[in-house]
Amino acid sequence: ENLELFARLEGERDARAVAEKLLAQFDVPADRPASTLSVGNRQR
């Protein structure tokens, strides 16, 4: 949700696809609240 939101703010045409690409690149858990992520995952 964070990546899709900020992608839209950056004017990305397909925010969902951009978010999915970055989630895969950084291997960040996609569907947990950001507050529950580990320190390393938050930084990524």
PDB file of all heavy atoms in Angstrom:
ATOM      1  N   GLU A   1       0.825  -1.208   0.000  1.00  0.00           N
ATOM      2  CA  GLU A   1       0.000   0.000   0.000  1.00  0.00           C
ATOM      3  C   GLU A   1       0.862   1.263   0.000  1.00  0.00           C
ATOM      4  O   GLU A   1       0.543   2.243  -0.691  1.00  0.00           O
ATOM      5  CB  GLU A   1      -0.937  -0.009   1.205  1.00  0.00           C
ATOM      6  CG  GLU A   1      -2.053  -1.046   1.106  1.00  0.00           C
ATOM      7  CD  GLU A   1      -2.794  -1.244   2.416  1.00  0.00           C
ATOM      8  OE1 GLU A   1      -2.230  -0.893   3.485  1.00  0.00           O
ATOM      9  OE2 GLU A   1      -3.914  -1.766   2.365  1.00  0.00           O
ATOM     10  N   ASN A   2       1.949   1.240   0.765  1.00  0.00           N
ATOM     11  CA  ASN A   2       2.859   2.384   0.764  1.00  0.00           C
ATOM     12  C   ASN A   2       3.447   2.608  -0.618  1.00  0.00           C
ATOM     13  O   ASN A   2       3.466   3.737  -1.126  1.00  0.00           O
ATOM     14  CB  ASN A   2       3.981   2.154   1.773  1.00  0.00           C
ATOM     15  CG  ASN A   2       3.684   2.717   3.150  1.00  0.00           C
ATOM     16  OD1 ASN A   2       3.640   3.925   3.334  1.00  0.00           O
ATOM     17  ND2 ASN A   2       3.459   1.834   4.109  1.00  0.00           N
ATOM     18  N   LEU A   3       3.932   1.543  -1.237  1.00  0.00           N
ATOM     19  CA  LEU A   3       4.570   1.687  -2.541  1.00  0.00           C
ATOM     20  C   LEU A   3       3.571   2.140  -3.605  1.00  0.00           C
ATOM     21  O   LEU A   3       3.897   2.984  -4.451  1.00  0.00           O
ATOM     22  CB  LEU A   3       5.236   0.369  -2.945  1.00  0.00           C
ATOM     23  CG  LEU A   3       6.542   0.059  -2.214  1.00  0.00           C
ATOM     24  CD1 LEU A   3       6.952  -1.391  -2.423  1.00  0.00           C
ATOM     25  CD2 LEU A   3       7.656   0.993  -2.689  1.00  0.00           C
ATOM     26  N   GLU A   4       2.363   1.606  -3.572  1.00  0.00           N
ATOM     27  CA  GLU A   4       1.360   2.036  -4.547  1.00  0.00           C
ATOM     28  C   GLU A   4       0.989   3.502  -4.336  1.00  0.00           C
ATOM     29  O   GLU A   4       0.832   4.262  -5.300  1.00  0.00           O
ATOM     30  CB  GLU A   4       0.125   1.147  -4.451  1.00  0.00           C
ATOM     31  CG  GLU A   4       0.354  -0.268  -4.977  1.00  0.00           C
ATOM     32  CD  GLU A   4      -0.919  -1.095  -4.999  1.00  0.00           C
ATOM     33  OE1 GLU A   4      -2.005  -0.536  -4.720  1.00  0.00           O
ATOM     34  OE2 GLU A   4      -0.834  -2.307  -5.279  1.00  0.00           O
ATOM     35  N   LEU A   5       0.853   3.911  -3.067  1.00  0.00           N
ATOM     36  CA  LEU A   5       0.512   5.302  -2.773  1.00  0.00           C
ATOM     37  C   LEU A   5       1.592   6.250  -3.278  1.00  0.00           C
ATOM     38  O   LEU A   5       1.308   7.218  -3.999  1.00  0.00           O
ATOM     39  CB  LEU A   5       0.320   5.477  -1.265  1.00  0.00           C
ATOM     40  CG  LEU A   5       0.178   6.927  -0.765  1.00  0.00           C
ATOM     41  CD1 LEU A   5      -1.054   7.591  -1.372  1.00  0.00           C
ATOM     42  CD2 LEU A   5       0.126   6.967   0.756  1.00  0.00           C
ATOM     43  N   PHE A   6       2.839   5.970  -2.911  1.00  0.00           N
ATOM     44  CA  PHE A   6       3.921   6.867  -3.315  1.00  0.00           C
ATOM     45  C   PHE A   6       4.172   6.801  -4.819  1.00  0.00           C
ATOM     46  O   PHE A   6       4.595   7.787  -5.426  1.00  0.00           O
ATOM     47  CB  PHE A   6       5.190   6.555  -2.522  1.00  0.00           C
ATOM     48  CG  PHE A   6       5.148   7.047  -1.104  1.00  0.00           C
ATOM     49  CD1 PHE A   6       4.951   6.165  -0.050  1.00  0.00           C
ATOM     50  CD2 PHE A   6       5.280   8.388  -0.811  1.00  0.00           C
ATOM     51  CE1 PHE A   6       4.898   6.614   1.260  1.00  0.00           C
ATOM     52  CE2 PHE A   6       5.232   8.860   0.496  1.00  0.00           C
ATOM     53  CZ  PHE A   6       5.035   7.962   1.536  1.00  0.00           C
ATOM     54  N   ALA A   7       3.906   5.655  -5.441  1.00  0.00           N
ATOM     55  CA  ALA A   7       4.035   5.554  -6.897  1.00  0.00           C
ATOM     56  C   ALA A   7       3.032   6.468  -7.585  1.00  0.00           C
ATOM     57  O   ALA A   7       3.355   7.142  -8.572  1.00  0.00           O
ATOM     58  CB  ALA A   7       3.835   4.108  -7.347  1.00  0.00           C
ATOM     59  N   ARG A   8       1.802   6.507  -7.058  1.00  0.00           N
ATOM     60  CA  ARG A   8       0.805   7.410  -7.634  1.00  0.00           C
ATOM     61  C   ARG A   8       1.213   8.865  -7.444  1.00  0.00           C
ATOM     62  O   ARG A   8       1.040   9.699  -8.344  1.00  0.00           O
ATOM     63  CB  ARG A   8      -0.566   7.142  -7.008  1.00  0.00           C
ATOM     64  CG  ARG A   8      -1.224   5.864  -7.495  1.00  0.00           C
ATOM     65  CD  ARG A   8      -2.677   5.794  -7.085  1.00  0.00           C
ATOM     66  NE  ARG A   8      -2.829   5.619  -5.643  1.00  0.00           N
ATOM     67  CZ  ARG A   8      -2.891   4.444  -5.035  1.00  0.00           C
ATOM     68  NH1 ARG A   8      -2.800   3.324  -5.747  1.00  0.00           N
ATOM     69  NH2 ARG A   8      -3.038   4.369  -3.727  1.00  0.00           N
ATOM     70  N   LEU A   9       1.776   9.179  -6.272  1.00  0.00           N
ATOM     71  CA  LEU A   9       2.231  10.553  -6.026  1.00  0.00           C
ATOM     72  C   LEU A   9       3.368  10.952  -6.962  1.00  0.00           C
ATOM     73  O   LEU A   9       3.524  12.129  -7.297  1.00  0.00           O
ATOM     74  CB  LEU A   9       2.671  10.703  -4.569  1.00  0.00           C
ATOM     75  CG  LEU A   9       1.568  10.597  -3.516  1.00  0.00           C
ATOM     76  CD1 LEU A   9       2.161  10.618  -2.110  1.00  0.00           C
ATOM     77  CD2 LEU A   9       0.545  11.729  -3.666  1.00  0.00           C
ATOM     78  N   GLU A  10       4.168   9.962  -7.381  1.00  0.00           N
ATOM     79  CA  GLU A  10       5.256  10.222  -8.324  1.00  0.00           C
ATOM     80  C   GLU A  10       4.772  10.273  -9.767  1.00  0.00           C
ATOM     81  O   GLU A  10       5.550  10.539 -10.682  1.00  0.00           O
ATOM     82  CB  GLU A  10       6.339   9.132  -8.188  1.00  0.00           C
ATOM     83  CG  GLU A  10       7.201   9.262  -6.944  1.00  0.00           C
ATOM     84  CD  GLU A  10       8.143  10.445  -7.010  1.00  0.00           C
ATOM     85  OE1 GLU A  10       8.417  10.939  -8.127  1.00  0.00           O
ATOM     86  OE2 GLU A  10       8.600  10.897  -5.949  1.00  0.00           O
ATOM     87  N   GLY A  11       3.472  10.000  -9.977  1.00  0.00           N
ATOM     88  CA  GLY A  11       2.919  10.068 -11.321  1.00  0.00           C
ATOM     89  C   GLY A  11       3.118   8.814 -12.145  1.00  0.00           C
ATOM     90  O   GLY A  11       2.995   8.846 -13.378  1.00  0.00           O
ATOM     91  N   GLU A  12       3.436   7.680 -11.494  1.00  0.00           N
ATOM     92  CA  GLU A  12       3.592   6.420 -12.222  1.00  0.00           C
ATOM     93  C   GLU A  12       2.249   6.009 -12.824  1.00  0.00           C
ATOM     94  O   GLU A  12       1.215   6.042 -12.157  1.00  0.00           O
ATOM     95  CB  GLU A  12       4.104   5.321 -11.283  1.00  0.00           C
ATOM     96  CG  GLU A  12       5.478   5.575 -10.693  1.00  0.00           C
ATOM     97  CD  GLU A  12       6.593   5.302 -11.687  1.00  0.00           C
ATOM     98  OE1 GLU A  12       6.293   4.937 -12.847  1.00  0.00           O
ATOM     99  OE2 GLU A  12       7.774   5.455 -11.310  1.00  0.00           O
ATOM    100  N   ARG A  13       2.264   5.590 -14.077  1.00  0.00           N
ATOM    101  CA  ARG A  13       1.020   5.230 -14.758  1.00  0.00           C
ATOM    102  C   ARG A  13       0.409   3.946 -14.202  1.00  0.00           C
ATOM    103  O   ARG A  13      -0.813   3.822 -14.119  1.00  0.00           O
ATOM    104  CB  ARG A  13       1.273   5.080 -16.259  1.00  0.00           C
ATOM    105  CG  ARG A  13       1.604   6.395 -16.951  1.00  0.00           C
ATOM    106  CD  ARG A  13       1.718   6.209 -18.442  1.00  0.00           C
ATOM    107  NE  ARG A  13       1.978   7.476 -19.122  1.00  0.00           N
ATOM    108  CZ  ARG A  13       2.098   7.592 -20.437  1.00  0.00           C
ATOM    109  NH1 ARG A  13       1.983   6.523 -21.212  1.00  0.00           N
ATOM    110  NH2 ARG A  13       2.329   8.785 -20.966  1.00  0.00           N
ATOM    111  N   ASP A  14       1.250   2.977 -13.889  1.00  0.00           N
ATOM    112  CA  ASP A  14       0.753   1.707 -13.358  1.00  0.00           C
ATOM    113  C   ASP A  14       1.378   1.498 -11.986  1.00  0.00           C
ATOM    114  O   ASP A  14       2.385   0.814 -11.836  1.00  0.00           O
ATOM    115  CB  ASP A  14       1.112   0.557 -14.302  1.00  0.00           C
ATOM    116  CG  ASP A  14       0.381  -0.740 -13.950  1.00  0.00           C
ATOM    117  OD1 ASP A  14      -0.090  -0.853 -12.795  1.00  0.00           O
ATOM    118  OD2 ASP A  14       0.292  -1.624 -14.819  1.00  0.00           O
ATOM    119  N   ALA A  15       0.794   2.130 -10.982  1.00  0.00           N
ATOM    120  CA  ALA A  15       1.361   2.100  -9.634  1.00  0.00           C
ATOM    121  C   ALA A  15       1.450   0.679  -9.093  1.00  0.00           C
ATOM    122  O   ALA A  15       2.411   0.335  -8.398  1.00  0.00           O
ATOM    123  CB  ALA A  15       0.522   2.973  -8.699  1.00  0.00           C
ATOM    124  N   ARG A  16       0.465  -0.130  -9.401  1.00  0.00           N
ATOM    125  CA  ARG A  16       0.464  -1.510  -8.892  1.00  0.00           C
ATOM    126  C   ARG A  16       1.635  -2.306  -9.452  1.00  0.00           C
ATOM    127  O   ARG A  16       2.320  -3.011  -8.705  1.00  0.00           O
ATOM    128  CB  ARG A  16      -0.848  -2.196  -9.243  1.00  0.00           C
ATOM    129  CG  ARG A  16      -0.945  -3.634  -8.751  1.00  0.00           C
ATOM    130  CD  ARG A  16      -2.319  -4.219  -8.984  1.00  0.00           C
ATOM    131  NE  ARG A  16      -3.331  -3.480  -8.240  1.00  0.00           N
ATOM    132  CZ  ARG A  16      -4.631  -3.777  -8.274  1.00  0.00           C
ATOM    133  NH1 ARG A  16      -5.068  -4.784  -9.031  1.00  0.00           N
ATOM    134  NH2 ARG A  16      -5.485  -3.082  -7.560  1.00  0.00           N
ATOM    135  N   ALA A  17       1.885  -2.193 -10.742  1.00  0.00           N
ATOM    136  CA  ALA A  17       2.986  -2.936 -11.352  1.00  0.00           C
ATOM    137  C   ALA A  17       4.335  -2.458 -10.819  1.00  0.00           C
ATOM    138  O   ALA A  17       5.235  -3.271 -10.557  1.00  0.00           O
ATOM    139  CB  ALA A  17       2.937  -2.783 -12.871  1.00  0.00           C
ATOM    140  N   VAL A  18       4.483  -1.159 -10.648  1.00  0.00           N
ATOM    141  CA  VAL A  18       5.735  -0.612 -10.114  1.00  0.00           C
ATOM    142  C   VAL A  18       5.964  -1.114  -8.688  1.00  0.00           C
ATOM    143  O   VAL A  18       7.076  -1.506  -8.317  1.00  0.00           O
ATOM    144  CB  VAL A  18       5.706   0.925 -10.144  1.00  0.00           C
ATOM    145  CG1 VAL A  18       6.886   1.502  -9.375  1.00  0.00           C
ATOM    146  CG2 VAL A  18       5.725   1.426 -11.573  1.00  0.00           C
ATOM    147  N   ALA A  19       4.900  -1.123  -7.881  1.00  0.00           N
ATOM    148  CA  ALA A  19       5.016  -1.605  -6.507  1.00  0.00           C
ATOM    149  C   ALA A  19       5.418  -3.071  -6.472  1.00  0.00           C
ATOM    150  O   ALA A  19       6.285  -3.472  -5.681  1.00  0.00           O
ATOM    151  CB  ALA A  19       3.691  -1.392  -5.769  1.00  0.00           C
ATOM    152  N   GLU A  20       4.814  -3.882  -7.325  1.00  0.00           N
ATOM    153  CA  GLU A  20       5.123  -5.308  -7.347  1.00  0.00           C
ATOM    154  C   GLU A  20       6.581  -5.551  -7.740  1.00  0.00           C
ATOM    155  O   GLU A  20       7.258  -6.421  -7.187  1.00  0.00           O
ATOM    156  CB  GLU A  20       4.188  -6.041  -8.312  1.00  0.00           C
ATOM    157  CG  GLU A  20       2.749  -6.124  -7.846  1.00  0.00           C
ATOM    158  CD  GLU A  20       2.601  -6.858  -6.514  1.00  0.00           C
ATOM    159  OE1 GLU A  20       3.369  -7.800  -6.254  1.00  0.00           O
ATOM    160  OE2 GLU A  20       1.721  -6.467  -5.734  1.00  0.00           O
ATOM    161  N   LYS A  21       7.067  -4.766  -8.693  1.00  0.00           N
ATOM    162  CA  LYS A  21       8.462  -4.911  -9.119  1.00  0.00           C
ATOM    163  C   LYS A  21       9.424  -4.612  -7.972  1.00  0.00           C
ATOM    164  O   LYS A  21      10.383  -5.366  -7.727  1.00  0.00           O
ATOM    165  CB  LYS A  21       8.743  -3.984 -10.296  1.00  0.00           C
ATOM    166  CG  LYS A  21      10.186  -4.045 -10.787  1.00  0.00           C
ATOM    167  CD  LYS A  21      10.420  -3.075 -11.935  1.00  0.00           C
ATOM    168  CE  LYS A  21      11.875  -3.100 -12.385  1.00  0.00           C
ATOM    169  NZ  LYS A  21      12.122  -2.130 -13.498  1.00  0.00           N
ATOM    170  N   LEU A  22       9.154  -3.535  -7.231  1.00  0.00           N
ATOM    171  CA  LEU A  22      10.041  -3.164  -6.124  1.00  0.00           C
ATOM    172  C   LEU A  22       9.931  -4.143  -4.965  1.00  0.00           C
ATOM    173  O   LEU A  22      10.935  -4.461  -4.308  1.00  0.00           O
ATOM    174  CB  LEU A  22       9.728  -1.740  -5.663  1.00  0.00           C
ATOM    175  CG  LEU A  22      10.184  -0.638  -6.617  1.00  0.00           C
ATOM    176  CD1 LEU A  22       9.583   0.701  -6.230  1.00  0.00           C
ATOM    177  CD2 LEU A  22      11.712  -0.545  -6.640  1.00  0.00           C
ATOM    178  N   LEU A  23       8.740  -4.651  -4.704  1.00  0.00           N
ATOM    179  CA  LEU A  23       8.575  -5.658  -3.655  1.00  0.00           C
ATOM    180  C   LEU A  23       9.408  -6.895  -3.970  1.00  0.00           C
ATOM    181  O   LEU A  23      10.039  -7.481  -3.081  1.00  0.00           O
ATOM    182  CB  LEU A  23       7.102  -6.039  -3.503  1.00  0.00           C
ATOM    183  CG  LEU A  23       6.200  -5.006  -2.832  1.00  0.00           C
ATOM    184  CD1 LEU A  23       4.736  -5.395  -3.018  1.00  0.00           C
ATOM    185  CD2 LEU A  23       6.535  -4.876  -1.345  1.00  0.00           C
ATOM    186  N   ALA A  24       9.428  -7.285  -5.242  1.00  0.00           N
ATOM    187  CA  ALA A  24      10.212  -8.442  -5.640  1.00  0.00           C
ATOM    188  C   ALA A  24      11.709  -8.152  -5.560  1.00  0.00           C
ATOM    189  O   ALA A  24      12.494  -9.002  -5.108  1.00  0.00           O
ATOM    190  CB  ALA A  24       9.834  -8.854  -7.061  1.00  0.00           C
ATOM    191  N   GLN A  25      12.111  -6.959  -5.986  1.00  0.00           N
ATOM    192  CA  GLN A  25      13.524  -6.595  -5.950  1.00  0.00           C
ATOM    193  C   GLN A  25      14.073  -6.610  -4.533  1.00  0.00           C
ATOM    194  O   GLN A  25      15.179  -7.087  -4.279  1.00  0.00           O
ATOM    195  CB  GLN A  25      13.728  -5.204  -6.552  1.00  0.00           C
ATOM    196  CG  GLN A  25      13.833  -5.159  -8.053  1.00  0.00           C
ATOM    197  CD  GLN A  25      14.191  -3.778  -8.537  1.00  0.00           C
ATOM    198  OE1 GLN A  25      13.539  -2.791  -8.195  1.00  0.00           O
ATOM    199  NE2 GLN A  25      15.215  -3.677  -9.349  1.00  0.00           N
ATOM    200  N   PHE A  26      13.297  -6.062  -3.602  1.00  0.00           N
ATOM    201  CA  PHE A  26      13.786  -5.893  -2.235  1.00  0.00           C
ATOM    202  C   PHE A  26      13.330  -7.003  -1.299  1.00  0.00           C
ATOM    203  O   PHE A  26      13.741  -7.036  -0.135  1.00  0.00           O
ATOM    204  CB  PHE A  26      13.337  -4.534  -1.688  1.00  0.00           C
ATOM    205  CG  PHE A  26      14.134  -3.383  -2.230  1.00  0.00           C
ATOM    206  CD1 PHE A  26      13.735  -2.731  -3.392  1.00  0.00           C
ATOM    207  CD2 PHE A  26      15.293  -2.958  -1.603  1.00  0.00           C
ATOM    208  CE1 PHE A  26      14.462  -1.673  -3.900  1.00  0.00           C
ATOM    209  CE2 PHE A  26      16.031  -1.904  -2.105  1.00  0.00           C
ATOM    210  CZ  PHE A  26      15.615  -1.257  -3.259  1.00  0.00           C
ATOM    211  N   ASP A  27      12.471  -7.895  -1.774  1.00  0.00           N
ATOM    212  CA  ASP A  27      12.019  -9.039  -0.980  1.00  0.00           C
ATOM    213  C   ASP A  27      11.448  -8.596   0.365  1.00  0.00           C
ATOM    214  O   ASP A  27      11.787  -9.119   1.427  1.00  0.00           O
ATOM    215  CB  ASP A  27      13.169 -10.028  -0.772  1.00  0.00           C
ATOM    216  CG  ASP A  27      12.686 -11.374  -0.244  1.00  0.00           C
ATOM    217  OD1 ASP A  27      11.521 -11.714  -0.485  1.00  0.00           O
ATOM    218  OD2 ASP A  27      13.485 -12.069   0.415  1.00  0.00           O
ATOM    219  N   VAL A  28      10.560  -7.599   0.311  1.00  0.00           N
ATOM    220  CA  VAL A  28       9.915  -7.075   1.514  1.00  0.00           C
ATOM    221  C   VAL A  28       8.543  -7.739   1.662  1.00  0.00           C
ATOM    222  O   VAL A  28       7.801  -7.836   0.684  1.00  0.00           O
ATOM    223  CB  VAL A  28       9.734  -5.542   1.417  1.00  0.00           C
ATOM    224  CG1 VAL A  28       8.997  -5.006   2.641  1.00  0.00           C
ATOM    225  CG2 VAL A  28      11.081  -4.859   1.270  1.00  0.00           C
ATOM    226  N   PRO A  29       8.181  -8.219   2.873  1.00  0.00           N
ATOM    227  CA  PRO A  29       6.821  -8.756   3.082  1.00  0.00           C
ATOM    228  C   PRO A  29       5.777  -7.738   2.651  1.00  0.00           C
ATOM    229  O   PRO A  29       5.750  -6.609   3.143  1.00  0.00           O
ATOM    230  CB  PRO A  29       6.780  -9.029   4.582  1.00  0.00           C
ATOM    231  CG  PRO A  29       8.209  -9.270   4.952  1.00  0.00           C
ATOM    232  CD  PRO A  29       9.008  -8.331   4.081  1.00  0.00           C
ATOM    233  N   ALA A  30       4.890  -8.135   1.748  1.00  0.00           N
ATOM    234  CA  ALA A  30       4.033  -7.174   1.064  1.00  0.00           C
ATOM    235  C   ALA A  30       2.807  -6.749   1.840  1.00  0.00           C
ATOM    236  O   ALA A  30       2.365  -5.603   1.729  1.00  0.00           O
ATOM    237  CB  ALA A  30       3.608  -7.738  -0.291  1.00  0.00           C
ATOM    238  N   ASP A  31       2.222  -7.641   2.626  1.00  0.00           N
ATOM    239  CA  ASP A  31       0.870  -7.407   3.137  1.00  0.00           C
ATOM    240  C   ASP A  31       0.772  -7.324   4.656  1.00  0.00           C
ATOM    241  O   ASP A  31      -0.299  -7.536   5.223  1.00  0.00           O
ATOM    242  CB  ASP A  31      -0.062  -8.496   2.599  1.00  0.00           C
ATOM    243  CG  ASP A  31      -0.157  -8.443   1.084  1.00  0.00           C
ATOM    244  OD1 ASP A  31      -0.386  -7.336   0.558  1.00  0.00           O
ATOM    245  OD2 ASP A  31       0.028  -9.483   0.431  1.00  0.00           O
ATOM    246  N   ARG A  32       1.884  -7.003   5.297  1.00  0.00           N
ATOM    247  CA  ARG A  32       1.870  -6.753   6.735  1.00  0.00           C
ATOM    248  C   ARG A  32       2.008  -5.263   6.982  1.00  0.00           C
ATOM    249  O   ARG A  32       2.706  -4.572   6.229  1.00  0.00           O
ATOM    250  CB  ARG A  32       3.011  -7.504   7.424  1.00  0.00           C
ATOM    251  CG  ARG A  32       2.854  -9.017   7.432  1.00  0.00           C
ATOM    252  CD  ARG A  32       4.154  -9.692   7.826  1.00  0.00           C
ATOM    253  NE  ARG A  32       4.771  -9.072   8.985  1.00  0.00           N
ATOM    254  CZ  ARG A  32       6.005  -9.357   9.405  1.00  0.00           C
ATOM    255  NH1 ARG A  32       6.757 -10.215   8.733  1.00  0.00           N
ATOM    256  NH2 ARG A  32       6.492  -8.773  10.473  1.00  0.00           N
ATOM    257  N   PRO A  33       1.352  -4.726   8.024  1.00  0.00           N
ATOM    258  CA  PRO A  33       1.551  -3.304   8.331  1.00  0.00           C
ATOM    259  C   PRO A  33       3.040  -2.982   8.474  1.00  0.00           C
ATOM    260  O   PRO A  33       3.808  -3.762   9.064  1.00  0.00           O
ATOM    261  CB  PRO A  33       0.814  -3.127   9.658  1.00  0.00           C
ATOM    262  CG  PRO A  33      -0.228  -4.199   9.649  1.00  0.00           C
ATOM    263  CD  PRO A  33       0.408  -5.373   8.949  1.00  0.00           C
ATOM    264  N   ALA A  34       3.444  -1.870   7.938  1.00  0.00           N
ATOM    265  CA  ALA A  34       4.860  -1.513   7.967  1.00  0.00           C
ATOM    266  C   ALA A  34       5.407  -1.456   9.393  1.00  0.00           C
ATOM    267  O   ALA A  34       6.584  -1.731   9.624  1.00  0.00           O
ATOM    268  CB  ALA A  34       5.076  -0.185   7.256  1.00  0.00           C
ATOM    269  N   SER A  35       4.538  -1.120  10.345  1.00  0.00           N
ATOM    270  CA  SER A  35       4.983  -1.020  11.740  1.00  0.00           C
ATOM    271  C   SER A  35       5.424  -2.359  12.305  1.00  0.00           C
ATOM    272  O   SER A  35       6.138  -2.400  13.309  1.00  0.00           O
ATOM    273  CB  SER A  35       3.863  -0.443  12.607  1.00  0.00           C
ATOM    274  OG  SER A  35       2.728  -1.283  12.579  1.00  0.00           O
ATOM    275  N   THR A  36       4.997  -3.471  11.691  1.00  0.00           N
ATOM    276  CA  THR A  36       5.337  -4.807  12.203  1.00  0.00           C
ATOM    277  C   THR A  36       6.557  -5.406  11.514  1.00  0.00           C
ATOM    278  O   THR A  36       6.978  -6.507  11.863  1.00  0.00           O
ATOM    279  CB  THR A  36       4.146  -5.763  12.043  1.00  0.00           C
ATOM    280  OG1 THR A  36       3.939  -6.035  10.646  1.00  0.00           O
ATOM    281  CG2 THR A  36       2.882  -5.191  12.655  1.00  0.00           C
ATOM    282  N   LEU A  37       7.119  -4.709  10.550  1.00  0.00           N
ATOM    283  CA  LEU A  37       8.268  -5.237   9.818  1.00  0.00           C
ATOM    284  C   LEU A  37       9.528  -5.177  10.673  1.00  0.00           C
ATOM    285  O   LEU A  37       9.652  -4.347  11.578  1.00  0.00           O
ATOM    286  CB  LEU A  37       8.493  -4.443   8.536  1.00  0.00           C
ATOM    287  CG  LEU A  37       7.376  -4.495   7.484  1.00  0.00           C
ATOM    288  CD1 LEU A  37       7.726  -3.566   6.316  1.00  0.00           C
ATOM    289  CD2 LEU A  37       7.145  -5.914   6.997  1.00  0.00           C
ATOM    290  N   SER A  38      10.468  -6.048  10.366  1.00  0.00           N
ATOM    291  CA  SER A  38      11.766  -6.011  11.040  1.00  0.00           C
ATOM    292  C   SER A  38      12.503  -4.729  10.659  1.00  0.00           C
ATOM    293  O   SER A  38      12.158  -4.054   9.671  1.00  0.00           O
ATOM    294  CB  SER A  38      12.607  -7.218  10.634  1.00  0.00           C
ATOM    295  OG  SER A  38      12.985  -7.122   9.268  1.00  0.00           O
ATOM    296  N   VAL A  39      13.531  -4.405  11.433  1.00  0.00           N
ATOM    297  CA  VAL A  39      14.307  -3.197  11.155  1.00  0.00           C
ATOM    298  C   VAL A  39      14.895  -3.247   9.746  1.00  0.00           C
ATOM    299  O   VAL A  39      14.873  -2.265   9.003  1.00  0.00           O
ATOM    300  CB  VAL A  39      15.421  -3.019  12.204  1.00  0.00           C
ATOM    301  CG1 VAL A  39      16.328  -1.843  11.833  1.00  0.00           C
ATOM    302  CG2 VAL A  39      14.822  -2.797  13.583  1.00  0.00           C
ATOM    303  N   GLY A  40      15.415  -4.405   9.359  1.00  0.00           N
ATOM    304  CA  GLY A  40      15.997  -4.543   8.033  1.00  0.00           C
ATOM    305  C   GLY A  40      14.975  -4.352   6.927  1.00  0.00           C
ATOM    306  O   GLY A  40      15.241  -3.683   5.932  1.00  0.00           O
ATOM    307  N   ASN A  41      13.781  -4.958   7.099  1.00  0.00           N
ATOM    308  CA  ASN A  41      12.743  -4.817   6.087  1.00  0.00           C
ATOM    309  C   ASN A  41      12.228  -3.382   6.007  1.00  0.00           C
ATOM    310  O   ASN A  41      11.890  -2.886   4.927  1.00  0.00           O
ATOM    311  CB  ASN A  41      11.584  -5.763   6.378  1.00  0.00           C
ATOM    312  CG  ASN A  41      11.884  -7.180   5.942  1.00  0.00           C
ATOM    313  OD1 ASN A  41      12.571  -7.399   4.951  1.00  0.00           O
ATOM    314  ND2 ASN A  41      11.379  -8.155   6.681  1.00  0.00           N
ATOM    315  N   ARG A  42      12.180  -2.703   7.139  1.00  0.00           N
ATOM    316  CA  ARG A  42      11.767  -1.299   7.118  1.00  0.00           C
ATOM    317  C   ARG A  42      12.758  -0.460   6.314  1.00  0.00           C
ATOM    318  O   ARG A  42      12.361   0.420   5.549  1.00  0.00           O
ATOM    319  CB  ARG A  42      11.676  -0.751   8.545  1.00  0.00           C
ATOM    320  CG  ARG A  42      10.556  -1.323   9.376  1.00  0.00           C
ATOM    321  CD  ARG A  42      10.508  -0.633  10.726  1.00  0.00           C
ATOM    322  NE  ARG A  42       9.538  -1.248  11.615  1.00  0.00           N
ATOM    323  CZ  ARG A  42       9.159  -0.735  12.761  1.00  0.00           C
ATOM    324  NH1 ARG A  42       9.685   0.414  13.180  1.00  0.00           N
ATOM    325  NH2 ARG A  42       8.279  -1.350  13.521  1.00  0.00           N
ATOM    326  N   GLN A  43      14.025  -0.746   6.506  1.00  0.00           N
ATOM    327  CA  GLN A  43      15.030   0.030   5.776  1.00  0.00           C
ATOM    328  C   GLN A  43      14.953  -0.248   4.281  1.00  0.00           C
ATOM    329  O   GLN A  43      15.085   0.662   3.452  1.00  0.00           O
ATOM    330  CB  GLN A  43      16.434  -0.284   6.300  1.00  0.00           C
ATOM    331  CG  GLN A  43      17.554   0.502   5.641  1.00  0.00           C
ATOM    332  CD  GLN A  43      17.492   1.989   5.916  1.00  0.00           C
ATOM    333  OE1 GLN A  43      16.438   2.552   6.191  1.00  0.00           O
ATOM    334  NE2 GLN A  43      18.639   2.649   5.836  1.00  0.00           N
ATOM    335  N   ARG A  44      14.728  -1.497   3.912  1.00  0.00           N
ATOM    336  CA  ARG A  44      14.608  -1.816   2.494  1.00  0.00           C
ATOM    337  C   ARG A  44      13.368  -1.162   1.881  1.00  0.00           C
ATOM    338  O   ARG A  44      13.393  -0.723   0.728  1.00  0.00           O
ATOM    339  CB  ARG A  44      14.597  -3.330   2.298  1.00  0.00           C
ATOM    340  CG  ARG A  44      15.986  -3.952   2.471  1.00  0.00           C
ATOM    341  CD  ARG A  44      15.993  -5.412   2.139  1.00  0.00           C
ATOM    342  NE  ARG A  44      15.319  -6.184   3.183  1.00  0.00           N
ATOM    343  CZ  ARG A  44      15.007  -7.468   3.066  1.00  0.00           C
ATOM    344  NH1 ARG A  44      15.255  -8.112   1.936  1.00  0.00           N
ATOM    345  NH2 ARG A  44      14.444  -8.124   4.065  1.00  0.00           N
TER     346      ARG A  44
END
